[in-house]
PDB file of N, CA and C in Angstrom:
ATOM      1  N   MET A   1     -14.089 180.660 221.761  1.00  0.00           N
ATOM      2  CA  MET A   1     -13.949 181.843 221.201  1.00  0.00           C
ATOM      3  C   MET A   1     -12.102 182.096 221.030  1.00  0.00           C
ATOM      4  N   ALA A   2     -11.607 182.498 219.670  1.00  0.00           N
ATOM      5  CA  ALA A   2     -10.241 182.601 220.269  1.00  0.00           C
ATOM      6  C   ALA A   2     -10.043 183.872 219.254  1.00  0.00           C
ATOM      7  N   ALA A   3      -9.085 184.489 219.266  1.00  0.00           N
ATOM      8  CA  ALA A   3      -8.362 185.799 218.200  1.00  0.00           C
ATOM      9  C   ALA A   3      -8.241 185.090 216.942  1.00  0.00           C
ATOM     10  N   GLY A   4      -8.181 185.877 215.952  1.00  0.00           N
ATOM     11  CA  GLY A   4      -7.971 185.094 214.537  1.00  0.00           C
ATOM     12  C   GLY A   4      -6.384 185.183 214.244  1.00  0.00           C
ATOM     13  N   SER A   5      -5.702 185.839 214.968  1.00  0.00           N
ATOM     14  CA  SER A   5      -3.947 185.171 214.987  1.00  0.00           C
ATOM     15  C   SER A   5      -3.985 183.792 215.541  1.00  0.00           C
ATOM     16  N   GLU A   6      -4.685 183.490 216.143  1.00  0.00           N
ATOM     17  CA  GLU A   6      -4.647 182.059 217.236  1.00  0.00           C
ATOM     18  C   GLU A   6      -4.689 180.985 215.544  1.00  0.00           C
ATOM     19  N   ALA A   7      -3.784 179.805 215.979  1.00  0.00           N
ATOM     20  CA  ALA A   7      -3.751 178.896 214.839  1.00  0.00           C
ATOM     21  C   ALA A   7      -4.909 177.719 215.096  1.00  0.00           C
ATOM     22  N   ASP A   8      -5.440 177.246 214.056  1.00  0.00           N
ATOM     23  CA  ASP A   8      -7.033 176.462 214.278  1.00  0.00           C
ATOM     24  C   ASP A   8      -6.310 175.470 215.192  1.00  0.00           C
ATOM     25  N   VAL A   9      -5.194 174.474 214.319  1.00  0.00           N
ATOM     26  CA  VAL A   9      -5.079 173.571 214.833  1.00  0.00           C
ATOM     27  C   VAL A   9      -4.801 173.391 216.601  1.00  0.00           C
ATOM     28  N   ALA A  10      -4.377 174.578 217.198  1.00  0.00           N
ATOM     29  CA  ALA A  10      -4.126 174.924 218.704  1.00  0.00           C
ATOM     30  C   ALA A  10      -5.486 174.936 219.467  1.00  0.00           C
ATOM     31  N   ILE A  11      -6.295 175.361 219.091  1.00  0.00           N
ATOM     32  CA  ILE A  11      -7.324 175.899 219.322  1.00  0.00           C
ATOM     33  C   ILE A  11      -7.694 174.442 219.739  1.00  0.00           C
ATOM     34  N   PHE A  12      -8.071 174.024 217.895  1.00  0.00           N
ATOM     35  CA  PHE A  12      -8.629 172.242 218.483  1.00  0.00           C
ATOM     36  C   PHE A  12      -8.084 171.603 219.509  1.00  0.00           C
ATOM     37  N   LYS A  13      -6.870 171.482 219.719  1.00  0.00           N
ATOM     38  CA  LYS A  13      -6.496 170.651 220.592  1.00  0.00           C
ATOM     39  C   LYS A  13      -6.928 170.998 221.916  1.00  0.00           C
ATOM     40  N   GLU A  14      -7.279 172.054 222.031  1.00  0.00           N
ATOM     41  CA  GLU A  14      -7.814 172.278 223.514  1.00  0.00           C
ATOM     42  C   GLU A  14      -8.851 172.042 223.470  1.00  0.00           C
ATOM     43  N   LEU A  15      -9.990 171.650 222.834  1.00  0.00           N
ATOM     44  CA  LEU A  15     -11.432 171.285 222.791  1.00  0.00           C
ATOM     45  C   LEU A  15     -11.293 169.648 223.641  1.00  0.00           C
ATOM     46  N   ASP A  16     -12.828 169.954 224.704  1.00  0.00           N
ATOM     47  CA  ASP A  16     -12.859 169.073 225.324  1.00  0.00           C
ATOM     48  C   ASP A  16     -13.713 167.398 224.026  1.00  0.00           C
ATOM     49  N   LEU A  17     -12.785 166.760 223.624  1.00  0.00           N
ATOM     50  CA  LEU A  17     -13.426 165.830 222.730  1.00  0.00           C
ATOM     51  C   LEU A  17     -13.862 164.314 223.577  1.00  0.00           C
ATOM     52  N   ASP A  18     -13.493 164.450 225.129  1.00  0.00           N
ATOM     53  CA  ASP A  18     -13.846 163.406 225.549  1.00  0.00           C
ATOM     54  C   ASP A  18     -15.905 163.210 225.886  1.00  0.00           C
ATOM     55  N   LEU A  19     -16.178 164.015 225.190  1.00  0.00           N
ATOM     56  CA  LEU A  19     -18.076 164.194 225.095  1.00  0.00           C
ATOM     57  C   LEU A  19     -18.444 163.332 223.676  1.00  0.00           C
ATOM     58  N   LEU A  20     -17.445 163.042 222.918  1.00  0.00           N
ATOM     59  CA  LEU A  20     -17.719 162.468 221.358  1.00  0.00           C
ATOM     60  C   LEU A  20     -17.732 160.888 222.234  1.00  0.00           C
ATOM     61  N   PRO A  21     -18.910 160.384 221.279  1.00  0.00           N
ATOM     62  CA  PRO A  21     -18.745 158.887 220.892  1.00  0.00           C
ATOM     63  C   PRO A  21     -17.740 158.272 220.433  1.00  0.00           C
ATOM     64  N   GLU A  22     -17.516 157.053 221.142  1.00  0.00           N
ATOM     65  CA  GLU A  22     -16.035 156.329 220.366  1.00  0.00           C
ATOM     66  C   GLU A  22     -16.398 156.016 218.768  1.00  0.00           C
ATOM     67  N   GLY A  23     -15.832 156.098 218.404  1.00  0.00           N
ATOM     68  CA  GLY A  23     -16.188 156.361 216.545  1.00  0.00           C
ATOM     69  C   GLY A  23     -16.184 157.061 215.915  1.00  0.00           C
ATOM     70  N   SER A  24     -16.365 158.272 216.290  1.00  0.00           N
ATOM     71  CA  SER A  24     -16.739 159.995 215.189  1.00  0.00           C
ATOM     72  C   SER A  24     -15.579 159.812 214.667  1.00  0.00           C
ATOM     73  N   ILE A  25     -16.171 160.608 213.776  1.00  0.00           N
ATOM     74  CA  ILE A  25     -15.410 161.384 212.751  1.00  0.00           C
ATOM     75  C   ILE A  25     -15.448 162.904 212.821  1.00  0.00           C
ATOM     76  N   ILE A  26     -14.360 163.215 212.959  1.00  0.00           N
ATOM     77  CA  ILE A  26     -14.222 165.065 212.440  1.00  0.00           C
ATOM     78  C   ILE A  26     -13.490 164.976 211.848  1.00  0.00           C
ATOM     79  N   LEU A  27     -14.472 166.023 210.860  1.00  0.00           N
ATOM     80  CA  LEU A  27     -13.908 166.669 209.176  1.00  0.00           C
ATOM     81  C   LEU A  27     -13.546 167.473 209.425  1.00  0.00           C
ATOM     82  N   ALA A  28     -12.021 168.040 209.161  1.00  0.00           N
ATOM     83  CA  ALA A  28     -11.296 169.230 208.921  1.00  0.00           C
ATOM     84  C   ALA A  28     -10.614 169.390 207.761  1.00  0.00           C
ATOM     85  N   ASP A  29     -10.678 171.046 207.848  1.00  0.00           N
ATOM     86  CA  ASP A  29      -9.785 171.369 206.636  1.00  0.00           C
ATOM     87  C   ASP A  29      -8.050 171.373 206.433  1.00  0.00           C
ATOM     88  N   LYS A  30      -7.220 172.273 206.015  1.00  0.00           N
ATOM     89  CA  LYS A  30      -5.949 172.031 205.625  1.00  0.00           C
ATOM     90  C   LYS A  30      -5.625 172.475 206.902  1.00  0.00           C
ATOM     91  N   ALA A  31      -6.137 173.382 207.483  1.00  0.00           N
ATOM     92  CA  ALA A  31      -5.655 173.849 208.918  1.00  0.00           C
ATOM     93  C   ALA A  31      -5.262 173.005 209.999  1.00  0.00           C
ATOM     94  N   TYR A  32      -5.874 172.174 209.914  1.00  0.00           N
ATOM     95  CA  TYR A  32      -5.739 171.154 211.329  1.00  0.00           C
ATOM     96  C   TYR A  32      -5.004 169.736 210.875  1.00  0.00           C
ATOM     97  N   THR A  33      -4.185 169.708 209.599  1.00  0.00           N
ATOM     98  CA  THR A  33      -3.112 169.057 209.617  1.00  0.00           C
ATOM     99  C   THR A  33      -2.226 168.826 210.649  1.00  0.00           C
ATOM    100  N   ASP A  34      -2.277 167.802 211.643  1.00  0.00           N
ATOM    101  CA  ASP A  34      -1.254 167.511 212.962  1.00  0.00           C
ATOM    102  C   ASP A  34      -1.225 165.838 212.757  1.00  0.00           C
ATOM    103  N   CYS A  35       0.204 165.164 212.228  1.00  0.00           N
ATOM    104  CA  CYS A  35       0.015 163.729 211.792  1.00  0.00           C
ATOM    105  C   CYS A  35      -0.348 163.236 213.283  1.00  0.00           C
ATOM    106  N   ASP A  36       0.472 163.696 214.370  1.00  0.00           N
ATOM    107  CA  ASP A  36       1.007 163.075 215.900  1.00  0.00           C
ATOM    108  C   ASP A  36      -0.406 163.292 216.204  1.00  0.00           C
ATOM    109  N   TYR A  37      -1.177 164.397 216.610  1.00  0.00           N
ATOM    110  CA  TYR A  37      -2.255 164.660 217.343  1.00  0.00           C
ATOM    111  C   TYR A  37      -3.488 163.679 216.258  1.00  0.00           C
ATOM    112  N   GLU A  38      -3.512 163.660 215.509  1.00  0.00           N
ATOM    113  CA  GLU A  38      -4.486 162.676 214.359  1.00  0.00           C
ATOM    114  C   GLU A  38      -4.097 160.861 215.138  1.00  0.00           C
ATOM    115  N   ASP A  39      -2.773 160.977 215.158  1.00  0.00           N
ATOM    116  CA  ASP A  39      -2.604 159.058 215.596  1.00  0.00           C
ATOM    117  C   ASP A  39      -3.044 159.077 216.903  1.00  0.00           C
ATOM    118  N   LEU A  40      -2.751 160.292 217.862  1.00  0.00           N
ATOM    119  CA  LEU A  40      -3.484 160.271 219.106  1.00  0.00           C
ATOM    120  C   LEU A  40      -4.818 159.932 219.655  1.00  0.00           C
ATOM    121  N   LEU A  41      -5.675 160.628 218.700  1.00  0.00           N
ATOM    122  CA  LEU A  41      -7.057 160.443 218.511  1.00  0.00           C
ATOM    123  C   LEU A  41      -7.564 159.240 217.884  1.00  0.00           C
ATOM    124  N   GLU A  42      -6.880 158.827 216.799  1.00  0.00           N
ATOM    125  CA  GLU A  42      -7.007 157.481 216.627  1.00  0.00           C
ATOM    126  C   GLU A  42      -7.152 156.172 217.785  1.00  0.00           C
ATOM    127  N   GLU A  43      -5.899 156.651 218.648  1.00  0.00           N
ATOM    128  CA  GLU A  43      -6.039 155.626 219.899  1.00  0.00           C
ATOM    129  C   GLU A  43      -6.853 155.753 220.879  1.00  0.00           C
ATOM    130  N   VAL A  44      -7.547 156.767 221.024  1.00  0.00           N
ATOM    131  CA  VAL A  44      -8.424 156.970 221.703  1.00  0.00           C
ATOM    132  C   VAL A  44     -10.272 156.381 221.190  1.00  0.00           C
ATOM    133  N   GLY A  45      -9.847 156.093 220.030  1.00  0.00           N
ATOM    134  CA  GLY A  45     -11.398 155.978 218.957  1.00  0.00           C
ATOM    135  C   GLY A  45     -11.988 156.966 218.413  1.00  0.00           C
ATOM    136  N   LEU A  46     -11.310 158.286 217.981  1.00  0.00           N
ATOM    137  CA  LEU A  46     -12.163 159.385 216.997  1.00  0.00           C
ATOM    138  C   LEU A  46     -10.884 159.292 215.621  1.00  0.00           C
ATOM    139  N   HIS A  47     -11.543 159.738 214.862  1.00  0.00           N
ATOM    140  CA  HIS A  47     -11.623 159.927 213.676  1.00  0.00           C
ATOM    141  C   HIS A  47     -11.487 161.296 212.964  1.00  0.00           C
ATOM    142  N   LEU A  48      -9.985 161.461 212.859  1.00  0.00           N
ATOM    143  CA  LEU A  48      -9.787 162.844 212.669  1.00  0.00           C
ATOM    144  C   LEU A  48      -9.440 162.755 211.258  1.00  0.00           C
ATOM    145  N   LYS A  49     -10.632 163.566 209.933  1.00  0.00           N
ATOM    146  CA  LYS A  49     -10.423 163.027 208.582  1.00  0.00           C
ATOM    147  C   LYS A  49      -9.955 164.487 208.024  1.00  0.00           C
ATOM    148  N   THR A  50      -8.818 164.864 207.841  1.00  0.00           N
ATOM    149  CA  THR A  50      -8.338 166.105 207.565  1.00  0.00           C
ATOM    150  C   THR A  50      -8.003 166.271 206.242  1.00  0.00           C
ATOM    151  N   GLN A  51      -8.360 167.035 205.871  1.00  0.00           N
ATOM    152  CA  GLN A  51      -8.371 167.726 203.883  1.00  0.00           C
ATOM    153  C   GLN A  51      -6.781 167.880 203.680  1.00  0.00           C
ATOM    154  N   ARG A  52      -6.201 167.443 203.078  1.00  0.00           N
ATOM    155  CA  ARG A  52      -4.681 167.052 202.931  1.00  0.00           C
ATOM    156  C   ARG A  52      -4.178 167.871 202.073  1.00  0.00           C
ATOM    157  N   LYS A  53      -3.337 168.579 201.852  1.00  0.00           N
ATOM    158  CA  LYS A  53      -2.121 169.547 200.984  1.00  0.00           C
ATOM    159  C   LYS A  53      -1.797 168.437 200.162  1.00  0.00           C
ATOM    160  N   LYS A  54      -1.612 169.514 198.892  1.00  0.00           N
ATOM    161  CA  LYS A  54      -1.029 168.252 197.451  1.00  0.00           C
ATOM    162  C   LYS A  54       0.266 167.598 197.505  1.00  0.00           C
ATOM    163  N   ASN A  55       1.311 168.139 198.829  1.00  0.00           N
ATOM    164  CA  ASN A  55       2.037 167.756 198.589  1.00  0.00           C
ATOM    165  C   ASN A  55       2.552 167.113 200.254  1.00  0.00           C
ATOM    166  N   SER A  56       1.500 166.558 200.530  1.00  0.00           N
ATOM    167  CA  SER A  56       1.556 165.766 201.732  1.00  0.00           C
ATOM    168  C   SER A  56       1.921 164.502 202.250  1.00  0.00           C
ATOM    169  N   LYS A  57       3.110 164.025 203.513  1.00  0.00           N
ATOM    170  CA  LYS A  57       3.312 163.079 203.301  1.00  0.00           C
ATOM    171  C   LYS A  57       2.642 161.588 203.715  1.00  0.00           C
ATOM    172  N   ARG A  58       1.069 162.381 204.287  1.00  0.00           N
ATOM    173  CA  ARG A  58      -0.055 161.373 204.577  1.00  0.00           C
ATOM    174  C   ARG A  58      -0.885 161.395 204.147  1.00  0.00           C
ATOM    175  N   PRO A  59      -1.327 161.255 202.077  1.00  0.00           N
ATOM    176  CA  PRO A  59      -2.210 161.729 201.953  1.00  0.00           C
ATOM    177  C   PRO A  59      -3.780 160.747 202.339  1.00  0.00           C
ATOM    178  N   MET A  60      -4.791 161.429 201.699  1.00  0.00           N
ATOM    179  CA  MET A  60      -5.601 160.626 202.097  1.00  0.00           C
ATOM    180  C   MET A  60      -6.303 160.146 200.997  1.00  0.00           C
ATOM    181  N   PRO A  61      -7.076 158.543 201.238  1.00  0.00           N
ATOM    182  CA  PRO A  61      -7.229 158.042 199.888  1.00  0.00           C
ATOM    183  C   PRO A  61      -8.317 158.527 199.285  1.00  0.00           C
ATOM    184  N   ALA A  62      -8.458 158.147 197.842  1.00  0.00           N
ATOM    185  CA  ALA A  62      -9.225 159.062 196.865  1.00  0.00           C
ATOM    186  C   ALA A  62     -10.517 159.265 197.247  1.00  0.00           C
ATOM    187  N   TRP A  63     -11.165 157.780 197.801  1.00  0.00           N
ATOM    188  CA  TRP A  63     -12.501 157.590 198.501  1.00  0.00           C
ATOM    189  C   TRP A  63     -12.929 158.247 199.347  1.00  0.00           C
ATOM    190  N   GLU A  64     -12.144 158.391 200.238  1.00  0.00           N
ATOM    191  CA  GLU A  64     -12.156 159.522 201.455  1.00  0.00           C
ATOM    192  C   GLU A  64     -12.491 160.941 200.875  1.00  0.00           C
ATOM    193  N   GLU A  65     -11.924 161.493 200.088  1.00  0.00           N
ATOM    194  CA  GLU A  65     -11.729 162.657 199.839  1.00  0.00           C
ATOM    195  C   GLU A  65     -13.028 163.262 198.489  1.00  0.00           C
ATOM    196  N   PHE A  66     -13.449 162.119 198.113  1.00  0.00           N
ATOM    197  CA  PHE A  66     -14.576 162.160 197.567  1.00  0.00           C
ATOM    198  C   PHE A  66     -15.724 162.080 198.266  1.00  0.00           C
ATOM    199  N   LEU A  67     -15.939 161.080 199.021  1.00  0.00           N
ATOM    200  CA  LEU A  67     -17.257 161.564 199.824  1.00  0.00           C
ATOM    201  C   LEU A  67     -16.938 162.609 200.938  1.00  0.00           C
ATOM    202  N   GLY A  68     -15.701 163.147 201.244  1.00  0.00           N
ATOM    203  CA  GLY A  68     -15.693 164.342 202.352  1.00  0.00           C
ATOM    204  C   GLY A  68     -15.948 165.670 201.697  1.00  0.00           C
ATOM    205  N   LYS A  69     -15.917 165.881 200.520  1.00  0.00           N
ATOM    206  CA  LYS A  69     -15.872 166.923 199.806  1.00  0.00           C
ATOM    207  C   LYS A  69     -17.173 167.584 199.853  1.00  0.00           C
ATOM    208  N   PRO A  70     -18.582 166.901 199.767  1.00  0.00           N
ATOM    209  CA  PRO A  70     -19.894 167.648 199.823  1.00  0.00           C
ATOM    210  C   PRO A  70     -19.849 168.068 200.643  1.00  0.00           C
ATOM    211  N   ILE A  71     -19.505 167.241 202.064  1.00  0.00           N
ATOM    212  CA  ILE A  71     -19.500 167.441 203.656  1.00  0.00           C
ATOM    213  C   ILE A  71     -18.821 168.674 203.915  1.00  0.00           C
ATOM    214  N   ARG A  72     -18.007 169.052 203.309  1.00  0.00           N
ATOM    215  CA  ARG A  72     -17.082 170.236 203.875  1.00  0.00           C
ATOM    216  C   ARG A  72     -17.897 171.388 202.853  1.00  0.00           C
ATOM    217  N   GLN A  73     -18.064 170.829 202.064  1.00  0.00           N
ATOM    218  CA  GLN A  73     -18.488 172.347 200.922  1.00  0.00           C
ATOM    219  C   GLN A  73     -20.059 172.970 201.838  1.00  0.00           C
ATOM    220  N   TYR A  74     -20.738 172.026 202.621  1.00  0.00           N
ATOM    221  CA  TYR A  74     -21.854 172.112 203.003  1.00  0.00           C
ATOM    222  C   TYR A  74     -21.263 172.814 204.068  1.00  0.00           C
ATOM    223  N   ILE A  75     -20.253 172.420 204.997  1.00  0.00           N
ATOM    224  CA  ILE A  75     -19.904 173.350 206.121  1.00  0.00           C
ATOM    225  C   ILE A  75     -19.499 174.466 205.700  1.00  0.00           C
ATOM    226  N   GLU A  76     -19.136 174.852 204.516  1.00  0.00           N
ATOM    227  CA  GLU A  76     -18.332 176.239 204.235  1.00  0.00           C
ATOM    228  C   GLU A  76     -19.284 176.695 203.997  1.00  0.00           C
ATOM    229  N   THR A  77     -20.441 176.584 203.481  1.00  0.00           N
ATOM    230  CA  THR A  77     -21.486 177.185 202.905  1.00  0.00           C
ATOM    231  C   THR A  77     -22.245 177.685 203.944  1.00  0.00           C
ATOM    232  N   VAL A  78     -22.339 176.999 205.051  1.00  0.00           N
ATOM    233  CA  VAL A  78     -22.789 177.026 206.535  1.00  0.00           C
ATOM    234  C   VAL A  78     -22.396 178.515 207.101  1.00  0.00           C
ATOM    235  N   PHE A  79     -21.228 178.459 206.822  1.00  0.00           N
ATOM    236  CA  PHE A  79     -20.245 179.337 207.651  1.00  0.00           C
ATOM    237  C   PHE A  79     -20.346 180.450 206.828  1.00  0.00           C
ATOM    238  N   SER A  80     -20.019 180.665 205.502  1.00  0.00           N
ATOM    239  CA  SER A  80     -20.518 181.795 204.750  1.00  0.00           C
ATOM    240  C   SER A  80     -21.207 182.434 204.799  1.00  0.00           C
ATOM    241  N   ARG A  81     -22.736 181.881 205.326  1.00  0.00           N
ATOM    242  CA  ARG A  81     -23.753 182.756 205.301  1.00  0.00           C
ATOM    243  C   ARG A  81     -23.792 183.188 206.613  1.00  0.00           C
ATOM    244  N   LEU A  82     -23.436 182.474 207.757  1.00  0.00           N
ATOM    245  CA  LEU A  82     -23.112 183.269 208.970  1.00  0.00           C
ATOM    246  C   LEU A  82     -22.340 184.256 208.617  1.00  0.00           C
ATOM    247  N   THR A  83     -20.957 184.661 208.357  1.00  0.00           N
ATOM    248  CA  THR A  83     -20.505 185.228 208.139  1.00  0.00           C
ATOM    249  C   THR A  83     -20.831 186.690 207.830  1.00  0.00           C
ATOM    250  N   ASN A  84     -21.857 185.896 206.446  1.00  0.00           N
ATOM    251  CA  ASN A  84     -22.817 187.626 205.815  1.00  0.00           C
ATOM    252  C   ASN A  84     -23.558 187.743 206.888  1.00  0.00           C
ATOM    253  N   LEU A  85     -24.259 187.231 207.629  1.00  0.00           N
ATOM    254  CA  LEU A  85     -24.925 187.969 208.824  1.00  0.00           C
ATOM    255  C   LEU A  85     -24.257 188.718 209.271  1.00  0.00           C
ATOM    256  N   LEU A  86     -23.398 188.299 209.818  1.00  0.00           N
ATOM    257  CA  LEU A  86     -22.461 189.171 211.186  1.00  0.00           C
ATOM    258  C   LEU A  86     -22.036 190.202 210.464  1.00  0.00           C
ATOM    259  N   PRO A  87     -22.118 191.548 211.487  1.00  0.00           N
ATOM    260  CA  PRO A  87     -21.669 192.562 210.633  1.00  0.00           C
ATOM    261  C   PRO A  87     -20.114 192.823 210.422  1.00  0.00           C
ATOM    262  N   LYS A  88     -19.339 193.869 210.090  1.00  0.00           N
ATOM    263  CA  LYS A  88     -17.899 193.248 209.780  1.00  0.00           C
ATOM    264  C   LYS A  88     -16.964 194.151 210.894  1.00  0.00           C
ATOM    265  N   LYS A  89     -18.179 195.017 212.078  1.00  0.00           N
ATOM    266  CA  LYS A  89     -17.379 195.257 213.363  1.00  0.00           C
ATOM    267  C   LYS A  89     -18.530 195.257 214.446  1.00  0.00           C
ATOM    268  N   ILE A  90     -17.907 194.570 215.582  1.00  0.00           N
ATOM    269  CA  ILE A  90     -19.182 194.361 216.512  1.00  0.00           C
ATOM    270  C   ILE A  90     -18.215 195.054 217.779  1.00  0.00           C
ATOM    271  N   HIS A  91     -19.138 196.095 218.312  1.00  0.00           N
ATOM    272  CA  HIS A  91     -18.790 196.490 219.488  1.00  0.00           C
ATOM    273  C   HIS A  91     -19.111 196.090 220.873  1.00  0.00           C
ATOM    274  N   THR A  92     -18.026 195.924 221.815  1.00  0.00           N
ATOM    275  CA  THR A  92     -18.594 195.685 222.902  1.00  0.00           C
ATOM    276  C   THR A  92     -17.089 196.198 223.962  1.00  0.00           C
ATOM    277  N   VAL A  93     -17.861 195.987 225.397  1.00  0.00           N
ATOM    278  CA  VAL A  93     -16.949 196.607 226.529  1.00  0.00           C
ATOM    279  C   VAL A  93     -16.475 195.250 226.710  1.00  0.00           C
ATOM    280  N   THR A  94     -17.064 194.733 227.038  1.00  0.00           N
ATOM    281  CA  THR A  94     -16.348 192.966 227.588  1.00  0.00           C
ATOM    282  C   THR A  94     -16.404 192.126 226.830  1.00  0.00           C
ATOM    283  N   PRO A  95     -15.517 190.984 227.423  1.00  0.00           N
ATOM    284  CA  PRO A  95     -15.758 189.869 226.683  1.00  0.00           C
ATOM    285  C   PRO A  95     -16.990 189.242 226.308  1.00  0.00           C
ATOM    286  N   ARG A  96     -17.633 189.287 227.647  1.00  0.00           N
ATOM    287  CA  ARG A  96     -19.078 188.796 228.046  1.00  0.00           C
ATOM    288  C   ARG A  96     -20.235 188.991 226.894  1.00  0.00           C
ATOM    289  N   GLY A  97     -19.684 190.333 226.727  1.00  0.00           N
ATOM    290  CA  GLY A  97     -21.214 190.898 226.140  1.00  0.00           C
ATOM    291  C   GLY A  97     -20.528 191.065 224.532  1.00  0.00           C
ATOM    292  N   PHE A  98     -19.225 190.318 224.196  1.00  0.00           N
ATOM    293  CA  PHE A  98     -19.268 189.718 222.707  1.00  0.00           C
ATOM    294  C   PHE A  98     -19.931 188.486 222.639  1.00  0.00           C
ATOM    295  N   GLU A  99     -19.422 187.698 223.694  1.00  0.00           N
ATOM    296  CA  GLU A  99     -20.001 186.220 223.617  1.00  0.00           C
ATOM    297  C   GLU A  99     -21.662 186.629 223.306  1.00  0.00           C
ATOM    298  N   LEU A 100     -22.184 187.443 223.841  1.00  0.00           N
ATOM    299  CA  LEU A 100     -23.750 187.516 224.118  1.00  0.00           C
ATOM    300  C   LEU A 100     -24.138 187.756 222.502  1.00  0.00           C
ATOM    301  N   LYS A 101     -23.577 189.166 222.258  1.00  0.00           N
ATOM    302  CA  LYS A 101     -24.045 189.299 220.664  1.00  0.00           C
ATOM    303  C   LYS A 101     -23.749 188.208 219.652  1.00  0.00           C
ATOM    304  N   ILE A 102     -22.564 187.681 219.826  1.00  0.00           N
ATOM    305  CA  ILE A 102     -22.874 186.192 219.117  1.00  0.00           C
ATOM    306  C   ILE A 102     -23.507 185.359 218.860  1.00  0.00           C
ATOM    307  N   VAL A 103     -24.368 185.141 220.321  1.00  0.00           N
ATOM    308  CA  VAL A 103     -25.195 184.201 220.633  1.00  0.00           C
ATOM    309  C   VAL A 103     -26.579 184.724 220.181  1.00  0.00           C
ATOM    310  N   CYS A 104     -26.869 185.612 219.951  1.00  0.00           N
ATOM    311  CA  CYS A 104     -28.060 186.711 219.428  1.00  0.00           C
ATOM    312  C   CYS A 104     -27.823 186.535 217.906  1.00  0.00           C
ATOM    313  N   PHE A 105     -26.843 186.677 217.410  1.00  0.00           N
ATOM    314  CA  PHE A 105     -26.262 186.586 215.886  1.00  0.00           C
ATOM    315  C   PHE A 105     -26.900 185.014 215.249  1.00  0.00           C
ATOM    316  N   LEU A 106     -26.339 184.559 216.079  1.00  0.00           N
ATOM    317  CA  LEU A 106     -26.553 182.242 215.974  1.00  0.00           C
ATOM    318  C   LEU A 106     -27.918 182.383 216.020  1.00  0.00           C
ATOM    319  N   LEU A 107     -28.485 182.805 216.760  1.00  0.00           N
ATOM    320  CA  LEU A 107     -29.872 182.439 217.202  1.00  0.00           C
ATOM    321  C   LEU A 107     -30.922 183.176 216.041  1.00  0.00           C
ATOM    322  N   ALA A 108     -30.468 184.709 215.672  1.00  0.00           N
ATOM    323  CA  ALA A 108     -31.332 184.886 214.701  1.00  0.00           C
ATOM    324  C   ALA A 108     -30.917 184.212 213.071  1.00  0.00           C
ATOM    325  N   PHE A 109     -29.364 183.567 213.340  1.00  0.00           N
ATOM    326  CA  PHE A 109     -29.607 182.781 211.939  1.00  0.00           C
ATOM    327  C   PHE A 109     -30.042 181.903 212.092  1.00  0.00           C
ATOM    328  N   SER A 110     -30.161 181.001 213.146  1.00  0.00           N
ATOM    329  CA  SER A 110     -30.727 180.066 213.427  1.00  0.00           C
ATOM    330  C   SER A 110     -32.684 180.223 213.010  1.00  0.00           C
ATOM    331  N   ILE A 111     -32.777 181.154 213.422  1.00  0.00           N
ATOM    332  CA  ILE A 111     -34.794 181.441 213.120  1.00  0.00           C
ATOM    333  C   ILE A 111     -34.999 181.711 211.323  1.00  0.00           C
ATOM    334  N   GLN A 112     -33.924 182.625 210.969  1.00  0.00           N
ATOM    335  CA  GLN A 112     -33.931 182.785 209.550  1.00  0.00           C
ATOM    336  C   GLN A 112     -33.825 181.241 208.582  1.00  0.00           C
ATOM    337  N   CYS A 113     -33.587 180.218 209.193  1.00  0.00           N
ATOM    338  CA  CYS A 113     -33.266 179.186 208.652  1.00  0.00           C
ATOM    339  C   CYS A 113     -33.998 178.366 208.416  1.00  0.00           C
ATOM    340  N   LEU A 114     -35.578 179.026 209.421  1.00  0.00           N
ATOM    341  CA  LEU A 114     -36.565 177.679 209.697  1.00  0.00           C
ATOM    342  C   LEU A 114     -37.313 177.915 208.348  1.00  0.00           C
TER     343      LEU A 114
END
């Protein structure tokens, strides 16, 4: 978890991706555009498929954009449902308490989806 002011791509770079099997495809939105990091991931066998901005110097092929769109829409729908489930303000005293409340909200969401 990170503050909303943190750049998405900076947090993404801190993730431990060693657990992903070689050949894994990571889908990301426009906030994760970093061609150098994308090339670095390709060297270790991971494929970062980032949605491109219109003026991108490295546009995504049309067929990849077409195939990735429904998956990204599904992810956005799940995220939207999660956001609607969470209260607008979460009061806690400690970071651990905040994490506990988030886990409980996610558990409630999972049960609601059954």
